[in-house]
């Protein structure tokens, strides 16, 4: 129960992070925002990296550093694309919409797994169909048009799914904390390079967006990531995915409480259908048969 509560707290932090991302865009460009928050995220994980043996019983002694660095660079590049699309998209979207659409990565992951010869269960098919129906009501207006911001966030969901698949490949073979620090640092560097080339970055802009940046960097990356690592140690992946998918609900709640965002009946129905689809995709109704 304790570990499920830790995962729920992580979902709450990530859900409200969409509010921080939305507010931050009022003061600073998306690439500068991401660059600074990923820098803070990487720094906030350094104490865990140094004291991981005492905290988690793991160390970097047996880690293949070259393989870890290569994996961190690849993951950092994908993370840069996913986070950039999401951050730019949220400018023309709402925190609630962005939260739910991003959560579609949960049903996208199994379909991308086809390329790795993974089988798709009936639960995933049903969940995916419900998620698509929910997305229609949430983001498609009566003129059959999707808001540009929602479209970018939807594309980002595919890159988040790719990111999850790559983590599934690299994480078992590396030290997860070291891998995370590297990927966050790479993403931070790429974002900052783009920001200094294409955006105006001033100290006043950073100071005005300080609280959203701190939340997005320290809480969303450092604290929530730690809660996920600890929480998932004694929780089945399917249960963990269901709890973590609740971040979409808290994104809507945060948008309503802090940004006065409204959720009309049509969008609310779409969000509910999508949430049901996300949960069903992680359930196991079918029984496995052993020879």
Protein backbone atom coordinates (compact mmCIF):
# COMPACT_ATOMS: atom_id res chain seq x y z
CA UNK A 1 0.00 0.00 0.00
CA UNK A 2 2.84 2.37 0.88
CA UNK A 3 4.48 1.92 -2.50
CA UNK A 4 1.19 2.55 -4.32
CA UNK A 5 0.84 5.80 -2.38
CA UNK A 6 4.33 6.83 -3.48
CA UNK A 7 3.35 6.23 -7.11
CA UNK A 8 0.12 8.17 -6.58
CA UNK A 9 2.11 11.10 -5.19
CA UNK A 10 4.35 10.96 -8.28
CA UNK A 11 1.24 11.05 -10.49
CA UNK A 12 -0.06 14.09 -8.59
CA UNK A 13 3.25 15.92 -9.02
CA UNK A 14 3.39 15.11 -12.74
CA UNK A 15 -0.23 16.10 -13.23
CA UNK A 16 0.26 19.52 -11.67
CA UNK A 17 3.50 19.87 -13.66
CA UNK A 18 1.35 20.57 -16.73
CA UNK A 19 0.08 23.66 -14.89
CA UNK A 20 3.66 24.75 -14.22
CA UNK A 21 4.53 24.22 -17.89
CA UNK A 22 1.50 26.26 -18.98
CA UNK A 23 2.25 29.13 -16.58
CA UNK A 24 5.94 29.15 -17.48
CA UNK A 25 5.09 29.88 -21.12
CA UNK A 26 3.72 33.28 -20.08
CA UNK A 27 7.23 34.47 -19.22
CA UNK A 28 9.83 32.47 -21.14
CA UNK A 29 10.25 30.48 -24.36
CA UNK A 30 9.57 26.72 -24.42
CA UNK A 31 13.15 25.67 -25.17
CA UNK A 32 14.66 27.89 -22.48
CA UNK A 33 12.08 26.60 -20.01
CA UNK A 34 12.87 22.98 -20.81
CA UNK A 35 16.61 23.61 -20.90
CA UNK A 36 16.68 25.09 -17.41
CA UNK A 37 14.28 22.58 -15.86
CA UNK A 38 16.15 19.58 -17.27
CA UNK A 39 19.39 21.09 -15.96
CA UNK A 40 17.82 21.33 -12.51
CA UNK A 41 16.46 17.81 -12.91
CA UNK A 42 19.89 16.37 -13.68
CA UNK A 43 21.46 18.25 -10.77
CA UNK A 44 18.70 17.16 -8.36
CA UNK A 45 19.45 13.49 -9.13
CA UNK A 46 23.18 13.79 -8.42
CA UNK A 47 22.82 13.27 -4.63
CA UNK A 48 20.83 10.08 -5.31
CA UNK A 49 23.53 8.93 -7.72
CA UNK A 50 26.28 9.45 -5.16
CA UNK A 51 24.38 7.80 -2.28
CA UNK A 52 22.49 5.17 -4.26
CA UNK A 53 24.21 2.24 -2.57
CA UNK A 54 22.98 3.38 0.83
CA UNK A 55 19.49 4.29 -0.47
CA UNK A 56 18.74 1.56 -3.02
CA UNK A 57 21.47 -1.03 -2.58
CA UNK A 58 22.88 -0.38 -6.07
CA UNK A 59 26.10 1.12 -7.40
CA UNK A 60 27.78 2.10 -10.65
CA UNK A 61 30.77 -0.20 -10.14
CA UNK A 62 29.48 -2.90 -12.48
CA UNK A 63 27.98 -0.50 -15.02
CA UNK A 64 29.24 -0.47 -18.61
CA UNK A 65 29.96 3.26 -18.73
CA UNK A 66 30.33 3.42 -22.52
CA UNK A 67 27.01 1.64 -23.10
CA UNK A 68 25.33 3.84 -20.48
CA UNK A 69 26.64 7.05 -22.02
CA UNK A 70 25.52 5.95 -25.49
CA UNK A 71 22.08 5.07 -24.14
CA UNK A 72 21.86 8.35 -22.25
CA UNK A 73 22.66 10.33 -25.39
CA UNK A 74 20.03 8.49 -27.44
CA UNK A 75 17.42 8.80 -24.70
CA UNK A 76 18.29 12.46 -24.22
CA UNK A 77 17.74 13.13 -27.92
CA UNK A 78 14.33 11.46 -27.94
CA UNK A 79 13.43 13.21 -24.68
CA UNK A 80 14.38 16.54 -26.27
CA UNK A 81 11.98 15.97 -29.19
CA UNK A 82 9.14 14.69 -26.99
CA UNK A 83 9.40 17.43 -24.38
CA UNK A 84 9.84 20.17 -27.00
CA UNK A 85 6.72 19.14 -28.94
CA UNK A 86 4.76 18.94 -25.70
CA UNK A 87 6.02 22.28 -24.41
CA UNK A 88 5.34 24.14 -27.67
CA UNK A 89 1.96 22.44 -27.99
CA UNK A 90 0.81 23.38 -24.50
CA UNK A 91 1.02 27.06 -25.47
CA UNK A 92 -2.05 26.56 -27.69
CA UNK A 93 -3.65 23.87 -25.52
CA UNK A 94 -4.81 23.52 -21.92
CA UNK A 95 -3.06 21.78 -19.04
CA UNK A 96 -5.89 19.23 -18.87
CA UNK A 97 -5.90 18.42 -22.58
CA UNK A 98 -2.11 18.13 -22.64
CA UNK A 99 -2.19 15.77 -19.66
CA UNK A 100 -4.73 13.40 -21.17
CA UNK A 101 -3.28 13.43 -24.69
CA UNK A 102 0.24 12.81 -23.39
CA UNK A 103 -1.09 9.80 -21.44
CA UNK A 104 -1.89 8.13 -24.76
CA UNK A 105 1.71 6.89 -24.74
CA UNK A 106 0.39 4.10 -22.51
CA UNK A 107 -1.57 2.57 -25.41
CA UNK A 108 0.94 3.62 -28.08
CA UNK A 109 3.81 1.68 -26.49
CA UNK A 110 2.35 -1.79 -27.22
CA UNK A 111 1.73 -0.87 -30.86
CA UNK A 112 5.29 0.35 -31.32
CA UNK A 113 6.30 -2.94 -29.73
CA UNK A 114 5.05 -4.69 -32.88
CA UNK A 115 8.37 -3.78 -34.49
CA UNK A 116 10.06 -5.73 -31.69
CA UNK A 117 7.74 -8.69 -32.37
CA UNK A 118 5.71 -8.09 -29.21
CA UNK A 119 2.15 -9.41 -29.19
CA UNK A 120 -0.80 -7.06 -28.65
CA UNK A 121 -3.41 -8.35 -26.19
CA UNK A 122 -7.15 -7.90 -26.58
CA UNK A 123 -7.07 -5.52 -23.59
CA UNK A 124 -4.69 -3.20 -25.44
CA UNK A 125 -6.87 -3.26 -28.56
CA UNK A 126 -9.99 -2.37 -26.54
CA UNK A 127 -8.12 0.27 -24.54
CA UNK A 128 -6.69 1.81 -27.71
CA UNK A 129 -10.11 2.02 -29.38
CA UNK A 130 -11.60 3.69 -26.31
CA UNK A 131 -8.64 6.08 -26.13
CA UNK A 132 -9.17 7.11 -29.76
CA UNK A 133 -12.88 7.71 -29.13
CA UNK A 134 -12.02 9.72 -26.04
CA UNK A 135 -9.45 11.75 -27.96
CA UNK A 136 -12.10 12.58 -30.56
CA UNK A 137 -14.46 14.07 -27.96
CA UNK A 138 -11.61 15.76 -26.08
CA UNK A 139 -9.76 17.44 -28.95
CA UNK A 140 -11.80 17.35 -32.18
CA UNK A 141 -14.36 20.15 -32.48
CA UNK A 142 -17.68 19.96 -34.30
CA UNK A 143 -15.95 21.14 -37.49
CA UNK A 144 -13.72 18.03 -37.28
CA UNK A 145 -10.66 20.14 -36.55
CA UNK A 146 -8.02 19.58 -33.89
CA UNK A 147 -6.43 22.50 -32.09
CA UNK A 148 -2.81 22.96 -33.30
CA UNK A 149 -1.54 22.65 -29.75
CA UNK A 150 -3.33 19.35 -29.19
CA UNK A 151 -1.88 18.04 -32.46
CA UNK A 152 1.69 18.75 -31.34
CA UNK A 153 1.06 17.15 -27.95
CA UNK A 154 -0.37 14.09 -29.73
CA UNK A 155 2.80 13.78 -31.83
CA UNK A 156 4.83 14.13 -28.63
CA UNK A 157 2.95 11.14 -27.18
CA UNK A 158 4.49 8.94 -29.89
CA UNK A 159 7.96 10.13 -28.91
CA UNK A 160 7.17 9.57 -25.21
CA UNK A 161 6.17 6.02 -26.17
CA UNK A 162 9.44 5.56 -28.07
CA UNK A 163 11.26 6.91 -25.03
CA UNK A 164 9.57 4.29 -22.82
CA UNK A 165 10.55 1.49 -25.21
CA UNK A 166 14.17 2.66 -25.30
CA UNK A 167 14.25 2.86 -21.51
CA UNK A 168 12.99 -0.72 -21.44
CA UNK A 169 16.01 -1.68 -23.54
CA UNK A 170 18.72 0.30 -21.74
CA UNK A 171 17.55 0.36 -18.10
CA UNK A 172 18.02 -3.37 -17.31
CA UNK A 173 21.59 -3.23 -18.65
CA UNK A 174 22.70 0.01 -17.01
CA UNK A 175 22.58 1.95 -13.78
CA UNK A 176 19.21 3.69 -14.05
CA UNK A 177 20.18 6.77 -12.05
CA UNK A 178 23.34 7.37 -14.08
CA UNK A 179 21.39 6.79 -17.29
CA UNK A 180 18.78 9.34 -16.17
CA UNK A 181 21.31 12.00 -15.23
CA UNK A 182 22.96 11.67 -18.65
CA UNK A 183 19.70 11.81 -20.60
CA UNK A 184 18.46 14.84 -18.67
CA UNK A 185 21.80 16.59 -19.20
CA UNK A 186 21.74 15.86 -22.95
CA UNK A 187 18.15 17.09 -23.26
CA UNK A 188 19.04 20.21 -21.28
CA UNK A 189 22.01 20.95 -23.55
CA UNK A 190 19.99 20.53 -26.76
CA UNK A 191 17.18 22.73 -25.44
CA UNK A 192 19.57 25.46 -24.31
CA UNK A 193 21.37 25.49 -27.67
CA UNK A 194 18.06 25.94 -29.51
CA UNK A 195 16.93 28.54 -26.98
CA UNK A 196 20.02 30.72 -27.37
CA UNK A 197 19.76 30.52 -31.18
CA UNK A 198 16.03 31.08 -31.68
CA UNK A 199 14.68 32.56 -28.45
CA UNK A 200 15.28 35.65 -26.38
CA UNK A 201 16.62 34.68 -22.97
CA UNK A 202 16.97 37.29 -20.22
CA UNK A 203 17.43 36.98 -16.48
CA UNK A 204 14.17 38.85 -15.88
CA UNK A 205 12.31 36.21 -17.91
CA UNK A 206 13.92 33.42 -15.91
CA UNK A 207 13.14 35.11 -12.59
CA UNK A 208 9.50 35.65 -13.59
CA UNK A 209 9.18 31.96 -14.48
CA UNK A 210 11.25 30.82 -11.48
CA UNK A 211 8.53 28.95 -9.57
CA UNK A 212 7.24 26.98 -12.60
CA UNK A 213 10.85 26.17 -13.54
CA UNK A 214 11.67 24.99 -10.00
CA UNK A 215 8.54 22.86 -9.90
CA UNK A 216 9.18 21.39 -13.34
CA UNK A 217 12.84 20.71 -12.59
CA UNK A 218 13.15 19.71 -8.95
CA UNK A 219 9.70 18.36 -8.10
CA UNK A 220 8.62 16.91 -11.46
CA UNK A 221 12.00 15.36 -12.31
CA UNK A 222 13.99 14.99 -9.09
CA UNK A 223 11.31 14.20 -6.49
CA UNK A 224 8.70 12.45 -8.65
CA UNK A 225 11.31 10.34 -10.42
CA UNK A 226 12.66 9.19 -7.04
CA UNK A 227 9.15 8.33 -5.87
CA UNK A 228 8.64 6.28 -9.03
CA UNK A 229 11.93 4.40 -8.61
CA UNK A 230 11.16 3.55 -4.97
CA UNK A 231 7.46 2.89 -5.54
CA UNK A 232 7.90 0.49 -8.45
CA UNK A 233 10.29 -1.74 -6.53
CA UNK A 234 7.37 -3.68 -4.99
CA UNK A 235 4.51 -2.96 -7.40
CA UNK A 236 3.66 -4.89 -10.56
CA UNK A 237 4.28 -2.87 -13.75
CA UNK A 238 0.61 -3.12 -14.79
CA UNK A 239 -0.58 -1.70 -11.46
CA UNK A 240 2.10 0.99 -11.54
CA UNK A 241 1.05 2.07 -15.04
CA UNK A 242 -2.59 2.41 -13.96
CA UNK A 243 -1.68 4.56 -10.96
CA UNK A 244 0.75 6.72 -12.94
CA UNK A 245 -1.84 7.24 -15.70
CA UNK A 246 -3.87 9.19 -13.14
CA UNK A 247 -1.53 12.11 -13.80
CA UNK A 248 -3.99 13.07 -16.55
CA UNK A 249 -6.77 13.46 -13.98
CA UNK A 250 -4.58 15.64 -11.78
CA UNK A 251 -3.60 17.73 -14.82
CA UNK A 252 -7.29 18.53 -15.34
CA UNK A 253 -7.76 19.16 -11.62
CA UNK A 254 -4.73 21.45 -11.51
CA UNK A 255 -5.89 23.37 -14.56
CA UNK A 256 -9.31 23.86 -12.98
CA UNK A 257 -8.02 24.87 -9.53
CA UNK A 258 -5.08 27.07 -10.52
CA UNK A 259 -5.81 28.27 -14.07
CA UNK A 260 -9.63 28.36 -14.00
CA UNK A 261 -9.71 26.02 -17.00
CA UNK A 262 -13.15 24.61 -17.70
CA UNK A 263 -13.99 21.14 -18.97
CA UNK A 264 -17.25 21.21 -20.97
CA UNK A 265 -19.44 18.10 -20.99
CA UNK A 266 -18.16 16.94 -24.39
CA UNK A 267 -14.50 17.20 -23.33
CA UNK A 268 -15.22 15.75 -19.91
CA UNK A 269 -16.87 12.73 -21.50
CA UNK A 270 -13.88 12.32 -23.81
CA UNK A 271 -11.46 12.52 -20.89
CA UNK A 272 -13.45 9.89 -18.96
CA UNK A 273 -13.59 7.51 -21.95
CA UNK A 274 -9.86 7.98 -22.52
CA UNK A 275 -9.06 7.28 -18.86
CA UNK A 276 -11.14 4.08 -18.97
CA UNK A 277 -9.27 3.04 -22.11
CA UNK A 278 -5.89 3.70 -20.49
CA UNK A 279 -6.82 1.59 -17.46
CA UNK A 280 -8.28 -1.28 -19.52
CA UNK A 281 -5.11 -1.42 -21.64
CA UNK A 282 -3.14 -2.28 -18.50
CA UNK A 283 -5.52 -4.92 -17.14
CA UNK A 284 -5.14 -8.65 -17.74
CA UNK A 285 -8.50 -10.32 -18.25
CA UNK A 286 -7.26 -13.18 -20.42
CA UNK A 287 -5.70 -16.22 -18.76
CA UNK A 288 -2.38 -17.50 -19.98
CA UNK A 289 -2.29 -21.19 -20.88
CA UNK A 290 0.85 -23.17 -20.10
CA UNK A 291 1.69 -26.43 -21.85
